[in-house]
Amino acid sequence: MVVSYHPNSLGPRTASLRSRATIPTRRSSSSRSPAAGVPAPDVHVAPDSVGANLLSGQSAHRTVTIQNSGGSSLAFAVDVHGSTRRGRP
């Protein structure tokens, strides 16, 4: 069973989850489930993109700033994609 919670406002809420058996010999059950609506993260990234043109053996450093001005934690991952260009003989 998958249960989803989609709050439309902030703050604590309590809900009841009830399951009913379709087999007469089984009992129904219910449970109370606390949950909370929290403010979403609000991410800002600067600059929008970074790049560098380098020769073999060179390196470059770039700074990317990630800020969260929202009301809850922000989880993120960074992927670096590079390209290899082959020179002519």
PDB file of N, CA and C in Angstrom:
ATOM      1  N   MET A   1       0.842  -1.157   0.000  1.00  0.00           N
ATOM      2  CA  MET A   1       0.000   0.000   0.000  1.00  0.00           C
ATOM      3  C   MET A   1       0.895   1.229   0.000  1.00  0.00           C
ATOM      4  N   VAL A   2       0.629   2.154  -0.874  1.00  0.00           N
ATOM      5  CA  VAL A   2       1.355   3.417  -0.938  1.00  0.00           C
ATOM      6  C   VAL A   2       0.406   4.525  -0.500  1.00  0.00           C
ATOM      7  N   VAL A   3       0.871   5.345   0.428  1.00  0.00           N
ATOM      8  CA  VAL A   3       0.065   6.465   0.920  1.00  0.00           C
ATOM      9  C   VAL A   3       0.825   7.745   0.613  1.00  0.00           C
ATOM     10  N   SER A   4       0.169   8.701  -0.009  1.00  0.00           N
ATOM     11  CA  SER A   4       0.793   9.989  -0.334  1.00  0.00           C
ATOM     12  C   SER A   4       0.123  11.098   0.454  1.00  0.00           C
ATOM     13  N   TYR A   5       0.903  12.118   0.767  1.00  0.00           N
ATOM     14  CA  TYR A   5       0.400  13.293   1.487  1.00  0.00           C
ATOM     15  C   TYR A   5       0.763  14.520   0.682  1.00  0.00           C
ATOM     16  N   HIS A   6      -0.208  15.289   0.276  1.00  0.00           N
ATOM     17  CA  HIS A   6       0.000  16.498  -0.520  1.00  0.00           C
ATOM     18  C   HIS A   6      -0.668  17.671   0.189  1.00  0.00           C
ATOM     19  N   PRO A   7       0.054  18.324   1.112  1.00  0.00           N
ATOM     20  CA  PRO A   7      -0.571  19.404   1.878  1.00  0.00           C
ATOM     21  C   PRO A   7      -0.835  20.635   1.016  1.00  0.00           C
ATOM     22  N   ASN A   8      -1.898  21.339   1.336  1.00  0.00           N
ATOM     23  CA  ASN A   8      -2.179  22.594   0.644  1.00  0.00           C
ATOM     24  C   ASN A   8      -1.954  23.799   1.556  1.00  0.00           C
ATOM     25  N   SER A   9      -1.420  23.548   2.755  1.00  0.00           N
ATOM     26  CA  SER A   9      -1.077  24.627   3.672  1.00  0.00           C
ATOM     27  C   SER A   9       0.031  24.142   4.614  1.00  0.00           C
ATOM     28  N   LEU A  10       0.657  25.094   5.314  1.00  0.00           N
ATOM     29  CA  LEU A  10       1.726  24.760   6.245  1.00  0.00           C
ATOM     30  C   LEU A  10       1.160  24.356   7.592  1.00  0.00           C
ATOM     31  N   GLY A  11       1.945  23.573   8.339  1.00  0.00           N
ATOM     32  CA  GLY A  11       1.563  23.237   9.696  1.00  0.00           C
ATOM     33  C   GLY A  11       1.261  21.761   9.890  1.00  0.00           C
ATOM     34  N   PRO A  12       1.134  21.382  11.166  1.00  0.00           N
ATOM     35  CA  PRO A  12       0.889  19.965  11.485  1.00  0.00           C
ATOM     36  C   PRO A  12      -0.534  19.535  11.149  1.00  0.00           C
ATOM     37  N   ARG A  13      -0.658  18.293  10.767  1.00  0.00           N
ATOM     38  CA  ARG A  13      -1.957  17.690  10.463  1.00  0.00           C
ATOM     39  C   ARG A  13      -1.952  16.265  10.989  1.00  0.00           C
ATOM     40  N   THR A  14      -3.101  15.761  11.294  1.00  0.00           N
ATOM     41  CA  THR A  14      -3.261  14.370  11.678  1.00  0.00           C
ATOM     42  C   THR A  14      -4.356  13.768  10.826  1.00  0.00           C
ATOM     43  N   ALA A  15      -4.089  12.582  10.311  1.00  0.00           N
ATOM     44  CA  ALA A  15      -5.074  11.899   9.472  1.00  0.00           C
ATOM     45  C   ALA A  15      -5.250  10.485   9.975  1.00  0.00           C
ATOM     46  N   SER A  16      -6.349   9.905   9.618  1.00  0.00           N
ATOM     47  CA  SER A  16      -6.600   8.506   9.953  1.00  0.00           C
ATOM     48  C   SER A  16      -6.537   7.683   8.680  1.00  0.00           C
ATOM     49  N   LEU A  17      -5.896   6.556   8.787  1.00  0.00           N
ATOM     50  CA  LEU A  17      -5.793   5.629   7.674  1.00  0.00           C
ATOM     51  C   LEU A  17      -6.579   4.382   8.063  1.00  0.00           C
ATOM     52  N   ARG A  18      -7.571   4.054   7.287  1.00  0.00           N
ATOM     53  CA  ARG A  18      -8.432   2.919   7.610  1.00  0.00           C
ATOM     54  C   ARG A  18      -8.389   1.917   6.460  1.00  0.00           C
ATOM     55  N   SER A  19      -8.206   0.660   6.795  1.00  0.00           N
ATOM     56  CA  SER A  19      -8.271  -0.390   5.788  1.00  0.00           C
ATOM     57  C   SER A  19      -9.417  -1.324   6.136  1.00  0.00           C
ATOM     58  N   ARG A  20     -10.156  -1.696   5.136  1.00  0.00           N
ATOM     59  CA  ARG A  20     -11.277  -2.604   5.344  1.00  0.00           C
ATOM     60  C   ARG A  20     -10.999  -3.905   4.613  1.00  0.00           C
ATOM     61  N   ALA A  21     -11.269  -4.980   5.256  1.00  0.00           N
ATOM     62  CA  ALA A  21     -11.059  -6.294   4.665  1.00  0.00           C
ATOM     63  C   ALA A  21     -12.234  -6.669   3.779  1.00  0.00           C
ATOM     64  N   THR A  22     -11.936  -7.304   2.672  1.00  0.00           N
ATOM     65  CA  THR A  22     -13.002  -7.792   1.790  1.00  0.00           C
ATOM     66  C   THR A  22     -13.360  -9.235   2.115  1.00  0.00           C
ATOM     67  N   ILE A  23     -12.581  -9.846   3.001  1.00  0.00           N
ATOM     68  CA  ILE A  23     -12.859 -11.214   3.437  1.00  0.00           C
ATOM     69  C   ILE A  23     -13.556 -11.113   4.792  1.00  0.00           C
ATOM     70  N   PRO A  24     -14.720 -11.718   4.950  1.00  0.00           N
ATOM     71  CA  PRO A  24     -15.492 -11.570   6.197  1.00  0.00           C
ATOM     72  C   PRO A  24     -14.748 -12.015   7.460  1.00  0.00           C
ATOM     73  N   THR A  25     -13.801 -12.937   7.355  1.00  0.00           N
ATOM     74  CA  THR A  25     -13.098 -13.414   8.544  1.00  0.00           C
ATOM     75  C   THR A  25     -11.956 -12.491   8.954  1.00  0.00           C
ATOM     76  N   ARG A  26     -11.651 -11.504   8.147  1.00  0.00           N
ATOM     77  CA  ARG A  26     -10.579 -10.550   8.466  1.00  0.00           C
ATOM     78  C   ARG A  26     -11.162  -9.307   9.098  1.00  0.00           C
ATOM     79  N   ARG A  27     -10.402  -8.709  10.014  1.00  0.00           N
ATOM     80  CA  ARG A  27     -10.866  -7.488  10.678  1.00  0.00           C
ATOM     81  C   ARG A  27     -10.353  -6.252   9.952  1.00  0.00           C
ATOM     82  N   SER A  28     -11.082  -5.189  10.066  1.00  0.00           N
ATOM     83  CA  SER A  28     -10.626  -3.896   9.562  1.00  0.00           C
ATOM     84  C   SER A  28      -9.666  -3.296  10.578  1.00  0.00           C
ATOM     85  N   SER A  29      -8.823  -2.393  10.131  1.00  0.00           N
ATOM     86  CA  SER A  29      -7.899  -1.733  11.047  1.00  0.00           C
ATOM     87  C   SER A  29      -7.781  -0.262  10.679  1.00  0.00           C
ATOM     88  N   SER A  30      -7.337   0.524  11.629  1.00  0.00           N
ATOM     89  CA  SER A  30      -7.110   1.938  11.370  1.00  0.00           C
ATOM     90  C   SER A  30      -5.941   2.416  12.212  1.00  0.00           C
ATOM     91  N   SER A  31      -5.315   3.478  11.751  1.00  0.00           N
ATOM     92  CA  SER A  31      -4.215   4.071  12.503  1.00  0.00           C
ATOM     93  C   SER A  31      -4.207   5.572  12.256  1.00  0.00           C
ATOM     94  N   ARG A  32      -3.676   6.296  13.217  1.00  0.00           N
ATOM     95  CA  ARG A  32      -3.543   7.754  13.079  1.00  0.00           C
ATOM     96  C   ARG A  32      -2.140   8.044  12.568  1.00  0.00           C
ATOM     97  N   SER A  33      -2.062   8.960  11.627  1.00  0.00           N
ATOM     98  CA  SER A  33      -0.787   9.281  10.999  1.00  0.00           C
ATOM     99  C   SER A  33      -0.524  10.776  11.083  1.00  0.00           C
ATOM    100  N   PRO A  34       0.444  11.193  11.907  1.00  0.00           N
ATOM    101  CA  PRO A  34       0.786  12.618  11.935  1.00  0.00           C
ATOM    102  C   PRO A  34       1.632  12.982  10.719  1.00  0.00           C
ATOM    103  N   ALA A  35       1.470  14.195  10.231  1.00  0.00           N
ATOM    104  CA  ALA A  35       2.248  14.705   9.104  1.00  0.00           C
ATOM    105  C   ALA A  35       2.324  16.219   9.254  1.00  0.00           C
ATOM    106  N   ALA A  36       3.163  16.836   8.442  1.00  0.00           N
ATOM    107  CA  ALA A  36       3.279  18.292   8.496  1.00  0.00           C
ATOM    108  C   ALA A  36       3.542  18.840   7.105  1.00  0.00           C
ATOM    109  N   GLY A  37       2.895  19.947   6.789  1.00  0.00           N
ATOM    110  CA  GLY A  37       3.193  20.683   5.572  1.00  0.00           C
ATOM    111  C   GLY A  37       4.319  21.653   5.879  1.00  0.00           C
ATOM    112  N   VAL A  38       5.424  21.550   5.143  1.00  0.00           N
ATOM    113  CA  VAL A  38       6.582  22.421   5.379  1.00  0.00           C
ATOM    114  C   VAL A  38       6.861  23.241   4.122  1.00  0.00           C
ATOM    115  N   PRO A  39       7.471  24.408   4.287  1.00  0.00           N
ATOM    116  CA  PRO A  39       7.815  25.218   3.123  1.00  0.00           C
ATOM    117  C   PRO A  39       8.818  24.485   2.232  1.00  0.00           C
ATOM    118  N   ALA A  40       8.663  24.621   0.954  1.00  0.00           N
ATOM    119  CA  ALA A  40       9.555  23.965  -0.002  1.00  0.00           C
ATOM    120  C   ALA A  40      10.918  24.651  -0.040  1.00  0.00           C
ATOM    121  N   PRO A  41      11.971  23.929  -0.457  1.00  0.00           N
ATOM    122  CA  PRO A  41      13.258  24.587  -0.686  1.00  0.00           C
ATOM    123  C   PRO A  41      13.119  25.584  -1.844  1.00  0.00           C
ATOM    124  N   ASP A  42      13.922  26.606  -1.838  1.00  0.00           N
ATOM    125  CA  ASP A  42      13.935  27.609  -2.904  1.00  0.00           C
ATOM    126  C   ASP A  42      15.388  27.785  -3.327  1.00  0.00           C
ATOM    127  N   VAL A  43      15.784  27.136  -4.410  1.00  0.00           N
ATOM    128  CA  VAL A  43      17.196  27.066  -4.794  1.00  0.00           C
ATOM    129  C   VAL A  43      17.568  28.188  -5.765  1.00  0.00           C
ATOM    130  N   HIS A  44      18.764  28.716  -5.554  1.00  0.00           N
ATOM    131  CA  HIS A  44      19.359  29.714  -6.446  1.00  0.00           C
ATOM    132  C   HIS A  44      20.779  29.261  -6.757  1.00  0.00           C
ATOM    133  N   VAL A  45      21.140  29.217  -8.040  1.00  0.00           N
ATOM    134  CA  VAL A  45      22.466  28.778  -8.470  1.00  0.00           C
ATOM    135  C   VAL A  45      23.089  29.888  -9.289  1.00  0.00           C
ATOM    136  N   ALA A  46      24.345  30.214  -8.984  1.00  0.00           N
ATOM    137  CA  ALA A  46      25.057  31.248  -9.741  1.00  0.00           C
ATOM    138  C   ALA A  46      26.506  30.816  -9.928  1.00  0.00           C
ATOM    139  N   PRO A  47      27.044  30.970 -11.100  1.00  0.00           N
ATOM    140  CA  PRO A  47      26.400  31.386 -12.344  1.00  0.00           C
ATOM    141  C   PRO A  47      25.569  30.247 -12.932  1.00  0.00           C
ATOM    142  N   ASP A  48      24.825  30.549 -14.003  1.00  0.00           N
ATOM    143  CA  ASP A  48      23.972  29.538 -14.635  1.00  0.00           C
ATOM    144  C   ASP A  48      24.785  28.407 -15.256  1.00  0.00           C
ATOM    145  N   SER A  49      25.971  28.708 -15.741  1.00  0.00           N
ATOM    146  CA  SER A  49      26.831  27.679 -16.340  1.00  0.00           C
ATOM    147  C   SER A  49      28.288  28.099 -16.198  1.00  0.00           C
ATOM    148  N   VAL A  50      29.179  27.135 -16.297  1.00  0.00           N
ATOM    149  CA  VAL A  50      30.613  27.398 -16.266  1.00  0.00           C
ATOM    150  C   VAL A  50      31.266  26.601 -17.385  1.00  0.00           C
ATOM    151  N   GLY A  51      32.426  27.063 -17.801  1.00  0.00           N
ATOM    152  CA  GLY A  51      33.148  26.365 -18.861  1.00  0.00           C
ATOM    153  C   GLY A  51      34.606  26.767 -18.862  1.00  0.00           C
ATOM    154  N   ALA A  52      35.403  26.013 -19.599  1.00  0.00           N
ATOM    155  CA  ALA A  52      36.826  26.323 -19.747  1.00  0.00           C
ATOM    156  C   ALA A  52      37.344  25.617 -20.988  1.00  0.00           C
ATOM    157  N   ASN A  53      38.247  26.250 -21.699  1.00  0.00           N
ATOM    158  CA  ASN A  53      38.938  25.633 -22.834  1.00  0.00           C
ATOM    159  C   ASN A  53      40.354  25.325 -22.385  1.00  0.00           C
ATOM    160  N   LEU A  54      40.692  24.071 -22.289  1.00  0.00           N
ATOM    161  CA  LEU A  54      41.980  23.658 -21.735  1.00  0.00           C
ATOM    162  C   LEU A  54      42.724  22.753 -22.695  1.00  0.00           C
ATOM    163  N   LEU A  55      44.038  22.822 -22.614  1.00  0.00           N
ATOM    164  CA  LEU A  55      44.895  21.894 -23.341  1.00  0.00           C
ATOM    165  C   LEU A  55      45.204  20.718 -22.429  1.00  0.00           C
ATOM    166  N   SER A  56      45.692  19.653 -22.998  1.00  0.00           N
ATOM    167  CA  SER A  56      46.016  18.458 -22.226  1.00  0.00           C
ATOM    168  C   SER A  56      46.968  18.798 -21.081  1.00  0.00           C
ATOM    169  N   GLY A  57      46.662  18.335 -19.885  1.00  0.00           N
ATOM    170  CA  GLY A  57      47.493  18.585 -18.715  1.00  0.00           C
ATOM    171  C   GLY A  57      47.142  19.848 -17.957  1.00  0.00           C
ATOM    172  N   GLN A  58      46.303  20.714 -18.513  1.00  0.00           N
ATOM    173  CA  GLN A  58      45.908  21.935 -17.822  1.00  0.00           C
ATOM    174  C   GLN A  58      44.699  21.671 -16.932  1.00  0.00           C
ATOM    175  N   SER A  59      44.484  22.562 -15.999  1.00  0.00           N
ATOM    176  CA  SER A  59      43.305  22.458 -15.140  1.00  0.00           C
ATOM    177  C   SER A  59      42.737  23.848 -14.909  1.00  0.00           C
ATOM    178  N   ALA A  60      41.517  23.896 -14.442  1.00  0.00           N
ATOM    179  CA  ALA A  60      40.852  25.166 -14.157  1.00  0.00           C
ATOM    180  C   ALA A  60      39.968  24.976 -12.943  1.00  0.00           C
ATOM    181  N   HIS A  61      39.758  26.040 -12.212  1.00  0.00           N
ATOM    182  CA  HIS A  61      38.881  26.025 -11.048  1.00  0.00           C
ATOM    183  C   HIS A  61      37.759  27.021 -11.286  1.00  0.00           C
ATOM    184  N   ARG A  62      36.562  26.621 -10.991  1.00  0.00           N
ATOM    185  CA  ARG A  62      35.405  27.500 -11.114  1.00  0.00           C
ATOM    186  C   ARG A  62      34.592  27.377  -9.835  1.00  0.00           C
ATOM    187  N   THR A  63      33.968  28.461  -9.416  1.00  0.00           N
ATOM    188  CA  THR A  63      33.121  28.449  -8.225  1.00  0.00           C
ATOM    189  C   THR A  63      31.667  28.558  -8.643  1.00  0.00           C
ATOM    190  N   VAL A  64      30.866  27.667  -8.116  1.00  0.00           N
ATOM    191  CA  VAL A  64      29.421  27.701  -8.318  1.00  0.00           C
ATOM    192  C   VAL A  64      28.799  27.819  -6.932  1.00  0.00           C
ATOM    193  N   THR A  65      27.938  28.792  -6.753  1.00  0.00           N
ATOM    194  CA  THR A  65      27.281  29.008  -5.471  1.00  0.00           C
ATOM    195  C   THR A  65      25.855  28.484  -5.530  1.00  0.00           C
ATOM    196  N   ILE A  66      25.509  27.621  -4.574  1.00  0.00           N
ATOM    197  CA  ILE A  66      24.158  27.073  -4.467  1.00  0.00           C
ATOM    198  C   ILE A  66      23.576  27.563  -3.149  1.00  0.00           C
ATOM    199  N   GLN A  67      22.461  28.285  -3.228  1.00  0.00           N
ATOM    200  CA  GLN A  67      21.817  28.818  -2.028  1.00  0.00           C
ATOM    201  C   GLN A  67      20.388  28.291  -1.919  1.00  0.00           C
ATOM    202  N   ASN A  68      19.962  28.057  -0.698  1.00  0.00           N
ATOM    203  CA  ASN A  68      18.588  27.654  -0.427  1.00  0.00           C
ATOM    204  C   ASN A  68      17.967  28.691   0.502  1.00  0.00           C
ATOM    205  N   SER A  69      17.051  29.489  -0.016  1.00  0.00           N
ATOM    206  CA  SER A  69      16.382  30.479   0.818  1.00  0.00           C
ATOM    207  C   SER A  69      14.985  30.012   1.213  1.00  0.00           C
ATOM    208  N   GLY A  70      14.686  28.737   0.981  1.00  0.00           N
ATOM    209  CA  GLY A  70      13.384  28.181   1.330  1.00  0.00           C
ATOM    210  C   GLY A  70      13.330  27.755   2.783  1.00  0.00           C
ATOM    211  N   GLY A  71      12.241  27.129   3.141  1.00  0.00           N
ATOM    212  CA  GLY A  71      12.014  26.773   4.532  1.00  0.00           C
ATOM    213  C   GLY A  71      12.318  25.340   4.895  1.00  0.00           C
ATOM    214  N   SER A  72      12.898  24.554   3.980  1.00  0.00           N
ATOM    215  CA  SER A  72      13.265  23.181   4.313  1.00  0.00           C
ATOM    216  C   SER A  72      14.580  22.827   3.624  1.00  0.00           C
ATOM    217  N   SER A  73      15.122  21.694   3.996  1.00  0.00           N
ATOM    218  CA  SER A  73      16.431  21.267   3.495  1.00  0.00           C
ATOM    219  C   SER A  73      16.404  21.030   1.988  1.00  0.00           C
ATOM    220  N   LEU A  74      17.559  21.221   1.379  1.00  0.00           N
ATOM    221  CA  LEU A  74      17.731  20.990  -0.051  1.00  0.00           C
ATOM    222  C   LEU A  74      18.825  19.958  -0.236  1.00  0.00           C
ATOM    223  N   ALA A  75      18.525  18.878  -0.904  1.00  0.00           N
ATOM    224  CA  ALA A  75      19.533  17.876  -1.245  1.00  0.00           C
ATOM    225  C   ALA A  75      19.865  18.054  -2.720  1.00  0.00           C
ATOM    226  N   PHE A  76      21.143  17.969  -3.072  1.00  0.00           N
ATOM    227  CA  PHE A  76      21.521  18.139  -4.469  1.00  0.00           C
ATOM    228  C   PHE A  76      22.733  17.281  -4.782  1.00  0.00           C
ATOM    229  N   ALA A  77      22.950  17.076  -6.066  1.00  0.00           N
ATOM    230  CA  ALA A  77      24.107  16.331  -6.557  1.00  0.00           C
ATOM    231  C   ALA A  77      24.729  17.137  -7.694  1.00  0.00           C
ATOM    232  N   VAL A  78      26.006  16.937  -7.924  1.00  0.00           N
ATOM    233  CA  VAL A  78      26.720  17.636  -8.987  1.00  0.00           C
ATOM    234  C   VAL A  78      27.287  16.607  -9.949  1.00  0.00           C
ATOM    235  N   ASP A  79      27.012  16.793 -11.222  1.00  0.00           N
ATOM    236  CA  ASP A  79      27.586  15.954 -12.272  1.00  0.00           C
ATOM    237  C   ASP A  79      28.481  16.824 -13.131  1.00  0.00           C
ATOM    238  N   VAL A  80      29.655  16.318 -13.470  1.00  0.00           N
ATOM    239  CA  VAL A  80      30.578  17.033 -14.336  1.00  0.00           C
ATOM    240  C   VAL A  80      30.660  16.273 -15.653  1.00  0.00           C
ATOM    241  N   HIS A  81      30.359  16.979 -16.724  1.00  0.00           N
ATOM    242  CA  HIS A  81      30.410  16.378 -18.053  1.00  0.00           C
ATOM    243  C   HIS A  81      31.529  17.041 -18.829  1.00  0.00           C
ATOM    244  N   GLY A  82      32.377  16.253 -19.440  1.00  0.00           N
ATOM    245  CA  GLY A  82      33.477  16.794 -20.225  1.00  0.00           C
ATOM    246  C   GLY A  82      33.398  16.293 -21.649  1.00  0.00           C
ATOM    247  N   SER A  83      34.160  16.942 -22.510  1.00  0.00           N
ATOM    248  CA  SER A  83      34.229  16.485 -23.890  1.00  0.00           C
ATOM    249  C   SER A  83      35.692  16.303 -24.252  1.00  0.00           C
ATOM    250  N   THR A  84      35.928  15.372 -25.120  1.00  0.00           N
ATOM    251  CA  THR A  84      37.284  15.118 -25.603  1.00  0.00           C
ATOM    252  C   THR A  84      37.312  15.437 -27.086  1.00  0.00           C
ATOM    253  N   ARG A  85      38.223  16.300 -27.463  1.00  0.00           N
ATOM    254  CA  ARG A  85      38.395  16.631 -28.880  1.00  0.00           C
ATOM    255  C   ARG A  85      39.688  16.005 -29.353  1.00  0.00           C
ATOM    256  N   ARG A  86      39.617  15.361 -30.472  1.00  0.00           N
ATOM    257  CA  ARG A  86      40.824  14.740 -31.026  1.00  0.00           C
ATOM    258  C   ARG A  86      41.427  15.683 -32.072  1.00  0.00           C
ATOM    259  N   GLY A  87      42.720  15.909 -31.937  1.00  0.00           N
ATOM    260  CA  GLY A  87      43.403  16.780 -32.880  1.00  0.00           C
ATOM    261  C   GLY A  87      43.723  16.044 -34.169  1.00  0.00           C
ATOM    262  N   ARG A  88      44.071  16.794 -35.175  1.00  0.00           N
ATOM    263  CA  ARG A  88      44.452  16.191 -36.449  1.00  0.00           C
ATOM    264  C   ARG A  88      45.916  15.789 -36.401  1.00  0.00           C
ATOM    265  N   PRO A  89      46.267  14.691 -37.071  1.00  0.00           N
ATOM    266  CA  PRO A  89      47.694  14.276 -37.065  1.00  0.00           C
ATOM    267  C   PRO A  89      48.587  15.274 -37.766  1.00  0.00           C
TER     268      PRO A  89
END
